[in-house]
PDB file of N, CA and C in Angstrom:
ATOM      1  N   MET A   1     -13.071  22.034  18.449  1.00  0.00           N
ATOM      2  CA  MET A   1     -12.447  21.226  17.553  1.00  0.00           C
ATOM      3  C   MET A   1     -13.914  21.077  16.611  1.00  0.00           C
ATOM      4  N   HIS A   2     -14.208  22.417  16.351  1.00  0.00           N
ATOM      5  CA  HIS A   2     -15.709  22.827  15.645  1.00  0.00           C
ATOM      6  C   HIS A   2     -15.383  22.107  13.987  1.00  0.00           C
ATOM      7  N   LEU A   3     -14.031  22.520  13.738  1.00  0.00           N
ATOM      8  CA  LEU A   3     -14.001  21.737  12.362  1.00  0.00           C
ATOM      9  C   LEU A   3     -13.838  20.367  12.301  1.00  0.00           C
ATOM     10  N   PHE A   4     -13.495  19.623  13.289  1.00  0.00           N
ATOM     11  CA  PHE A   4     -13.261  18.358  13.154  1.00  0.00           C
ATOM     12  C   PHE A   4     -14.528  17.694  13.330  1.00  0.00           C
ATOM     13  N   ASP A   5     -15.507  18.166  13.778  1.00  0.00           N
ATOM     14  CA  ASP A   5     -17.242  17.920  13.475  1.00  0.00           C
ATOM     15  C   ASP A   5     -17.536  17.565  11.977  1.00  0.00           C
ATOM     16  N   CYS A   6     -17.249  18.290  11.359  1.00  0.00           N
ATOM     17  CA  CYS A   6     -17.405  18.451  10.147  1.00  0.00           C
ATOM     18  C   CYS A   6     -16.949  17.262   9.058  1.00  0.00           C
ATOM     19  N   VAL A   7     -15.496  16.769   9.939  1.00  0.00           N
ATOM     20  CA  VAL A   7     -15.357  15.530   8.706  1.00  0.00           C
ATOM     21  C   VAL A   7     -15.024  14.012   9.835  1.00  0.00           C
ATOM     22  N   GLU A   8     -15.940  14.540  10.754  1.00  0.00           N
ATOM     23  CA  GLU A   8     -15.433  13.228  12.028  1.00  0.00           C
ATOM     24  C   GLU A   8     -16.020  11.929  11.703  1.00  0.00           C
ATOM     25  N   TYR A   9     -16.396  11.832  10.580  1.00  0.00           N
ATOM     26  CA  TYR A   9     -17.382  10.473  10.158  1.00  0.00           C
ATOM     27  C   TYR A   9     -16.814  10.067   8.719  1.00  0.00           C
ATOM     28  N   SER A  10     -15.861  10.816   8.602  1.00  0.00           N
ATOM     29  CA  SER A  10     -15.253  10.742   7.163  1.00  0.00           C
ATOM     30  C   SER A  10     -13.701   9.783   7.581  1.00  0.00           C
ATOM     31  N   THR A  11     -12.946   9.478   6.329  1.00  0.00           N
ATOM     32  CA  THR A  11     -11.882   9.035   6.137  1.00  0.00           C
ATOM     33  C   THR A  11     -10.784   9.869   6.902  1.00  0.00           C
ATOM     34  N   LEU A  12     -10.814  11.210   6.611  1.00  0.00           N
ATOM     35  CA  LEU A  12     -10.033  12.068   7.039  1.00  0.00           C
ATOM     36  C   LEU A  12     -10.343  12.131   8.330  1.00  0.00           C
ATOM     37  N   GLY A  13     -11.519  12.012   9.093  1.00  0.00           N
ATOM     38  CA  GLY A  13     -11.638  12.090  10.822  1.00  0.00           C
ATOM     39  C   GLY A  13     -11.082  10.792  11.220  1.00  0.00           C
ATOM     40  N   GLN A  14     -11.177   9.852  10.609  1.00  0.00           N
ATOM     41  CA  GLN A  14     -10.832   8.420  11.010  1.00  0.00           C
ATOM     42  C   GLN A  14      -8.802   8.606  11.188  1.00  0.00           C
ATOM     43  N   ALA A  15      -8.718   9.274  10.079  1.00  0.00           N
ATOM     44  CA  ALA A  15      -7.026   9.601  10.338  1.00  0.00           C
ATOM     45  C   ALA A  15      -6.652  10.231  11.169  1.00  0.00           C
ATOM     46  N   LEU A  16      -7.550  11.531  11.473  1.00  0.00           N
ATOM     47  CA  LEU A  16      -7.537  12.555  12.313  1.00  0.00           C
ATOM     48  C   LEU A  16      -7.266  11.859  13.905  1.00  0.00           C
ATOM     49  N   THR A  17      -8.304  10.993  14.528  1.00  0.00           N
ATOM     50  CA  THR A  17      -8.492  10.195  15.141  1.00  0.00           C
ATOM     51  C   THR A  17      -7.272   9.590  15.784  1.00  0.00           C
ATOM     52  N   VAL A  18      -6.844   8.563  14.566  1.00  0.00           N
ATOM     53  CA  VAL A  18      -5.675   7.902  14.668  1.00  0.00           C
ATOM     54  C   VAL A  18      -4.640   8.926  15.425  1.00  0.00           C
ATOM     55  N   ARG A  19      -4.365   9.576  14.631  1.00  0.00           N
ATOM     56  CA  ARG A  19      -2.890  10.359  14.938  1.00  0.00           C
ATOM     57  C   ARG A  19      -3.325  11.381  16.025  1.00  0.00           C
ATOM     58  N   TYR A  20      -4.113  11.568  16.268  1.00  0.00           N
ATOM     59  CA  TYR A  20      -4.479  12.463  17.789  1.00  0.00           C
ATOM     60  C   TYR A  20      -4.324  11.083  19.065  1.00  0.00           C
ATOM     61  N   GLN A  21      -4.688  10.125  18.762  1.00  0.00           N
ATOM     62  CA  GLN A  21      -4.350   9.013  19.883  1.00  0.00           C
ATOM     63  C   GLN A  21      -2.745   8.557  19.795  1.00  0.00           C
ATOM     64  N   GLN A  22      -2.108   8.852  18.809  1.00  0.00           N
ATOM     65  CA  GLN A  22      -0.530   8.588  18.604  1.00  0.00           C
ATOM     66  C   GLN A  22       0.313  10.049  19.132  1.00  0.00           C
ATOM     67  N   LEU A  23      -0.684  10.703  19.203  1.00  0.00           N
ATOM     68  CA  LEU A  23       0.201  12.151  19.698  1.00  0.00           C
ATOM     69  C   LEU A  23      -0.296  12.369  21.348  1.00  0.00           C
ATOM     70  N   GLN A  24      -1.289  11.501  21.544  1.00  0.00           N
ATOM     71  CA  GLN A  24      -1.743  11.358  23.262  1.00  0.00           C
ATOM     72  C   GLN A  24      -0.715  10.436  23.489  1.00  0.00           C
ATOM     73  N   GLN A  25      -0.527   9.411  23.006  1.00  0.00           N
ATOM     74  CA  GLN A  25       0.620   8.667  23.787  1.00  0.00           C
ATOM     75  C   GLN A  25       1.939   9.037  23.781  1.00  0.00           C
ATOM     76  N   GLU A  26       2.703   9.638  22.577  1.00  0.00           N
ATOM     77  CA  GLU A  26       3.738  10.035  22.441  1.00  0.00           C
ATOM     78  C   GLU A  26       4.060  11.127  23.967  1.00  0.00           C
ATOM     79  N   TYR A  27       2.731  12.168  23.844  1.00  0.00           N
ATOM     80  CA  TYR A  27       2.992  13.090  24.964  1.00  0.00           C
ATOM     81  C   TYR A  27       2.647  12.521  26.416  1.00  0.00           C
ATOM     82  N   GLU A  28       2.330  11.404  26.629  1.00  0.00           N
ATOM     83  CA  GLU A  28       1.975  10.921  27.904  1.00  0.00           C
ATOM     84  C   GLU A  28       3.553  10.343  28.182  1.00  0.00           C
ATOM     85  N   GLN A  29       4.140   9.662  27.238  1.00  0.00           N
ATOM     86  CA  GLN A  29       5.264   9.228  27.935  1.00  0.00           C
ATOM     87  C   GLN A  29       6.686   9.647  27.774  1.00  0.00           C
ATOM     88  N   LEU A  30       6.698  10.988  26.992  1.00  0.00           N
ATOM     89  CA  LEU A  30       7.514  12.264  27.412  1.00  0.00           C
ATOM     90  C   LEU A  30       7.041  12.896  28.699  1.00  0.00           C
ATOM     91  N   ASN A  31       5.767  13.402  28.862  1.00  0.00           N
ATOM     92  CA  ASN A  31       5.237  13.724  30.099  1.00  0.00           C
ATOM     93  C   ASN A  31       5.970  12.846  31.503  1.00  0.00           C
ATOM     94  N   GLN A  32       5.681  12.130  30.945  1.00  0.00           N
ATOM     95  CA  GLN A  32       6.016  10.808  32.533  1.00  0.00           C
ATOM     96  C   GLN A  32       7.330  10.604  32.870  1.00  0.00           C
ATOM     97  N   SER A  33       8.481  10.870  31.562  1.00  0.00           N
ATOM     98  CA  SER A  33       9.666  11.242  31.710  1.00  0.00           C
ATOM     99  C   SER A  33      10.302  12.212  32.106  1.00  0.00           C
ATOM    100  N   ASN A  34       9.392  12.992  32.199  1.00  0.00           N
ATOM    101  CA  ASN A  34       9.531  14.521  31.978  1.00  0.00           C
ATOM    102  C   ASN A  34      10.819  15.344  31.512  1.00  0.00           C
ATOM    103  N   ILE A  35      10.571  14.572  30.356  1.00  0.00           N
ATOM    104  CA  ILE A  35      11.256  15.382  29.278  1.00  0.00           C
ATOM    105  C   ILE A  35      10.821  16.738  28.916  1.00  0.00           C
ATOM    106  N   ILE A  36       9.363  16.809  28.952  1.00  0.00           N
ATOM    107  CA  ILE A  36       8.633  18.086  28.372  1.00  0.00           C
ATOM    108  C   ILE A  36       7.909  18.350  29.512  1.00  0.00           C
ATOM    109  N   GLU A  37       7.962  19.845  29.390  1.00  0.00           N
ATOM    110  CA  GLU A  37       6.692  20.442  30.466  1.00  0.00           C
ATOM    111  C   GLU A  37       5.984  21.411  29.893  1.00  0.00           C
ATOM    112  N   THR A  38       5.135  20.908  28.872  1.00  0.00           N
ATOM    113  CA  THR A  38       3.851  21.510  28.129  1.00  0.00           C
ATOM    114  C   THR A  38       2.411  21.167  27.976  1.00  0.00           C
ATOM    115  N   SER A  39       1.620  21.797  27.580  1.00  0.00           N
ATOM    116  CA  SER A  39       0.356  21.384  27.446  1.00  0.00           C
ATOM    117  C   SER A  39       0.186  20.183  26.337  1.00  0.00           C
ATOM    118  N   PHE A  40      -0.484  19.496  26.392  1.00  0.00           N
ATOM    119  CA  PHE A  40      -0.980  18.544  25.118  1.00  0.00           C
ATOM    120  C   PHE A  40      -1.188  19.304  24.070  1.00  0.00           C
ATOM    121  N   GLU A  41      -2.162  20.558  24.128  1.00  0.00           N
ATOM    122  CA  GLU A  41      -2.427  21.406  23.047  1.00  0.00           C
ATOM    123  C   GLU A  41      -1.424  22.103  22.288  1.00  0.00           C
ATOM    124  N   LEU A  42      -0.550  22.267  23.045  1.00  0.00           N
ATOM    125  CA  LEU A  42       0.750  22.751  22.354  1.00  0.00           C
ATOM    126  C   LEU A  42       1.423  21.836  22.092  1.00  0.00           C
ATOM    127  N   PHE A  43       1.622  20.913  22.434  1.00  0.00           N
ATOM    128  CA  PHE A  43       2.275  19.341  21.989  1.00  0.00           C
ATOM    129  C   PHE A  43       1.936  19.686  20.388  1.00  0.00           C
ATOM    130  N   CYS A  44       0.615  19.353  20.435  1.00  0.00           N
ATOM    131  CA  CYS A  44      -0.249  19.135  19.411  1.00  0.00           C
ATOM    132  C   CYS A  44       0.202  20.424  18.247  1.00  0.00           C
ATOM    133  N   ALA A  45       0.337  21.287  18.406  1.00  0.00           N
ATOM    134  CA  ALA A  45       0.274  22.584  17.499  1.00  0.00           C
ATOM    135  C   ALA A  45       1.825  22.548  17.160  1.00  0.00           C
ATOM    136  N   ILE A  46       2.808  22.341  17.858  1.00  0.00           N
ATOM    137  CA  ILE A  46       3.923  22.240  17.353  1.00  0.00           C
ATOM    138  C   ILE A  46       4.234  21.111  16.686  1.00  0.00           C
ATOM    139  N   ASP A  47       3.881  20.071  16.721  1.00  0.00           N
ATOM    140  CA  ASP A  47       3.367  18.709  15.735  1.00  0.00           C
ATOM    141  C   ASP A  47       2.902  19.171  14.418  1.00  0.00           C
ATOM    142  N   HIS A  48       1.909  19.892  14.100  1.00  0.00           N
ATOM    143  CA  HIS A  48       1.281  20.155  13.148  1.00  0.00           C
ATOM    144  C   HIS A  48       1.984  21.477  12.250  1.00  0.00           C
ATOM    145  N   LEU A  49       2.843  22.395  13.049  1.00  0.00           N
ATOM    146  CA  LEU A  49       3.851  23.078  12.902  1.00  0.00           C
ATOM    147  C   LEU A  49       4.796  22.559  12.059  1.00  0.00           C
ATOM    148  N   VAL A  50       5.795  21.526  12.506  1.00  0.00           N
ATOM    149  CA  VAL A  50       6.677  20.845  11.685  1.00  0.00           C
ATOM    150  C   VAL A  50       6.098  20.104  10.611  1.00  0.00           C
ATOM    151  N   TRP A  51       5.089  19.393  10.801  1.00  0.00           N
ATOM    152  CA  TRP A  51       4.727  18.763   9.615  1.00  0.00           C
ATOM    153  C   TRP A  51       4.038  19.458   8.505  1.00  0.00           C
ATOM    154  N   SER A  52       3.695  20.774   8.714  1.00  0.00           N
ATOM    155  CA  SER A  52       2.834  21.488   7.594  1.00  0.00           C
ATOM    156  C   SER A  52       4.363  21.693   6.732  1.00  0.00           C
ATOM    157  N   ARG A  53       5.542  21.393   7.284  1.00  0.00           N
ATOM    158  CA  ARG A  53       6.283  22.276   6.445  1.00  0.00           C
ATOM    159  C   ARG A  53       7.569  21.205   5.907  1.00  0.00           C
ATOM    160  N   ILE A  54       7.203  20.098   5.966  1.00  0.00           N
ATOM    161  CA  ILE A  54       7.643  18.913   5.352  1.00  0.00           C
ATOM    162  C   ILE A  54       7.539  18.698   4.040  1.00  0.00           C
ATOM    163  N   LEU A  55       8.336  18.588   3.345  1.00  0.00           N
ATOM    164  CA  LEU A  55       7.954  18.216   1.817  1.00  0.00           C
ATOM    165  C   LEU A  55       8.565  16.897   1.722  1.00  0.00           C
ATOM    166  N   ASP A  56       8.007  16.078   0.906  1.00  0.00           N
ATOM    167  CA  ASP A  56       8.328  14.700   0.387  1.00  0.00           C
ATOM    168  C   ASP A  56       8.938  14.894  -0.928  1.00  0.00           C
ATOM    169  N   LEU A  57      10.491  14.480  -0.932  1.00  0.00           N
ATOM    170  CA  LEU A  57      10.560  14.652  -2.051  1.00  0.00           C
ATOM    171  C   LEU A  57      10.792  13.646  -2.593  1.00  0.00           C
ATOM    172  N   PRO A  58      11.263  13.575  -3.869  1.00  0.00           N
ATOM    173  CA  PRO A  58      11.109  12.442  -4.896  1.00  0.00           C
ATOM    174  C   PRO A  58      11.987  11.198  -4.331  1.00  0.00           C
ATOM    175  N   GLU A  59      11.863  10.018  -4.485  1.00  0.00           N
ATOM    176  CA  GLU A  59      12.423   8.771  -3.692  1.00  0.00           C
ATOM    177  C   GLU A  59      13.862   8.641  -3.461  1.00  0.00           C
ATOM    178  N   ASN A  60      13.826   7.971  -2.847  1.00  0.00           N
ATOM    179  CA  ASN A  60      15.400   8.032  -2.348  1.00  0.00           C
ATOM    180  C   ASN A  60      16.070   9.269  -1.622  1.00  0.00           C
ATOM    181  N   GLU A  61      15.005  10.296  -1.225  1.00  0.00           N
ATOM    182  CA  GLU A  61      15.690  11.169  -0.790  1.00  0.00           C
ATOM    183  C   GLU A  61      14.784  11.497   0.566  1.00  0.00           C
ATOM    184  N   PRO A  62      15.540  11.949   1.393  1.00  0.00           N
ATOM    185  CA  PRO A  62      14.735  11.993   2.730  1.00  0.00           C
ATOM    186  C   PRO A  62      13.520  13.097   2.989  1.00  0.00           C
ATOM    187  N   LEU A  63      12.907  12.939   3.880  1.00  0.00           N
ATOM    188  CA  LEU A  63      12.187  13.951   3.973  1.00  0.00           C
ATOM    189  C   LEU A  63      12.685  15.352   4.378  1.00  0.00           C
ATOM    190  N   SER A  64      12.249  16.525   4.484  1.00  0.00           N
ATOM    191  CA  SER A  64      12.972  17.710   4.540  1.00  0.00           C
ATOM    192  C   SER A  64      12.364  18.926   4.731  1.00  0.00           C
ATOM    193  N   LEU A  65      13.202  19.807   5.487  1.00  0.00           N
ATOM    194  CA  LEU A  65      12.143  20.981   5.965  1.00  0.00           C
ATOM    195  C   LEU A  65      13.184  21.919   4.667  1.00  0.00           C
ATOM    196  N   VAL A  66      11.965  22.828   4.310  1.00  0.00           N
ATOM    197  CA  VAL A  66      12.728  23.821   3.264  1.00  0.00           C
ATOM    198  C   VAL A  66      11.952  25.342   3.729  1.00  0.00           C
ATOM    199  N   PRO A  67      12.583  25.688   4.615  1.00  0.00           N
ATOM    200  CA  PRO A  67      12.086  27.228   5.404  1.00  0.00           C
ATOM    201  C   PRO A  67      11.918  28.141   4.095  1.00  0.00           C
ATOM    202  N   PHE A  68      12.258  28.155   3.135  1.00  0.00           N
ATOM    203  CA  PHE A  68      12.089  29.150   1.691  1.00  0.00           C
ATOM    204  C   PHE A  68      10.713  29.209   1.500  1.00  0.00           C
ATOM    205  N   ILE A  69      10.312  28.174   1.502  1.00  0.00           N
ATOM    206  CA  ILE A  69       9.020  27.800   0.974  1.00  0.00           C
ATOM    207  C   ILE A  69       7.792  28.380   2.288  1.00  0.00           C
ATOM    208  N   ASP A  70       8.366  28.592   3.173  1.00  0.00           N
ATOM    209  CA  ASP A  70       7.335  29.543   4.112  1.00  0.00           C
ATOM    210  C   ASP A  70       7.280  31.104   3.587  1.00  0.00           C
ATOM    211  N   PHE A  71       8.144  31.698   2.622  1.00  0.00           N
ATOM    212  CA  PHE A  71       8.435  33.035   2.574  1.00  0.00           C
ATOM    213  C   PHE A  71       7.283  32.813   1.352  1.00  0.00           C
ATOM    214  N   CYS A  72       7.319  31.928   0.443  1.00  0.00           N
ATOM    215  CA  CYS A  72       6.481  32.042  -0.885  1.00  0.00           C
ATOM    216  C   CYS A  72       4.876  31.912  -0.653  1.00  0.00           C
TER     217      CYS A  72
END
């Protein structure tokens, strides 16, 4: 998390801290329910992978995954 050290005391650092706390809670709930069998690090990586490919389209449109964007 060396990159996090660069933004730790900024608003971005605060947002990342909150997001990781949310992910930790989600992970613990899923892990206790035996829904997933993976590490927390992999769980975070998967979350980042999915959210990095979601586009916020114009109003009244749902969030969308657009695989073609990966080719660009």
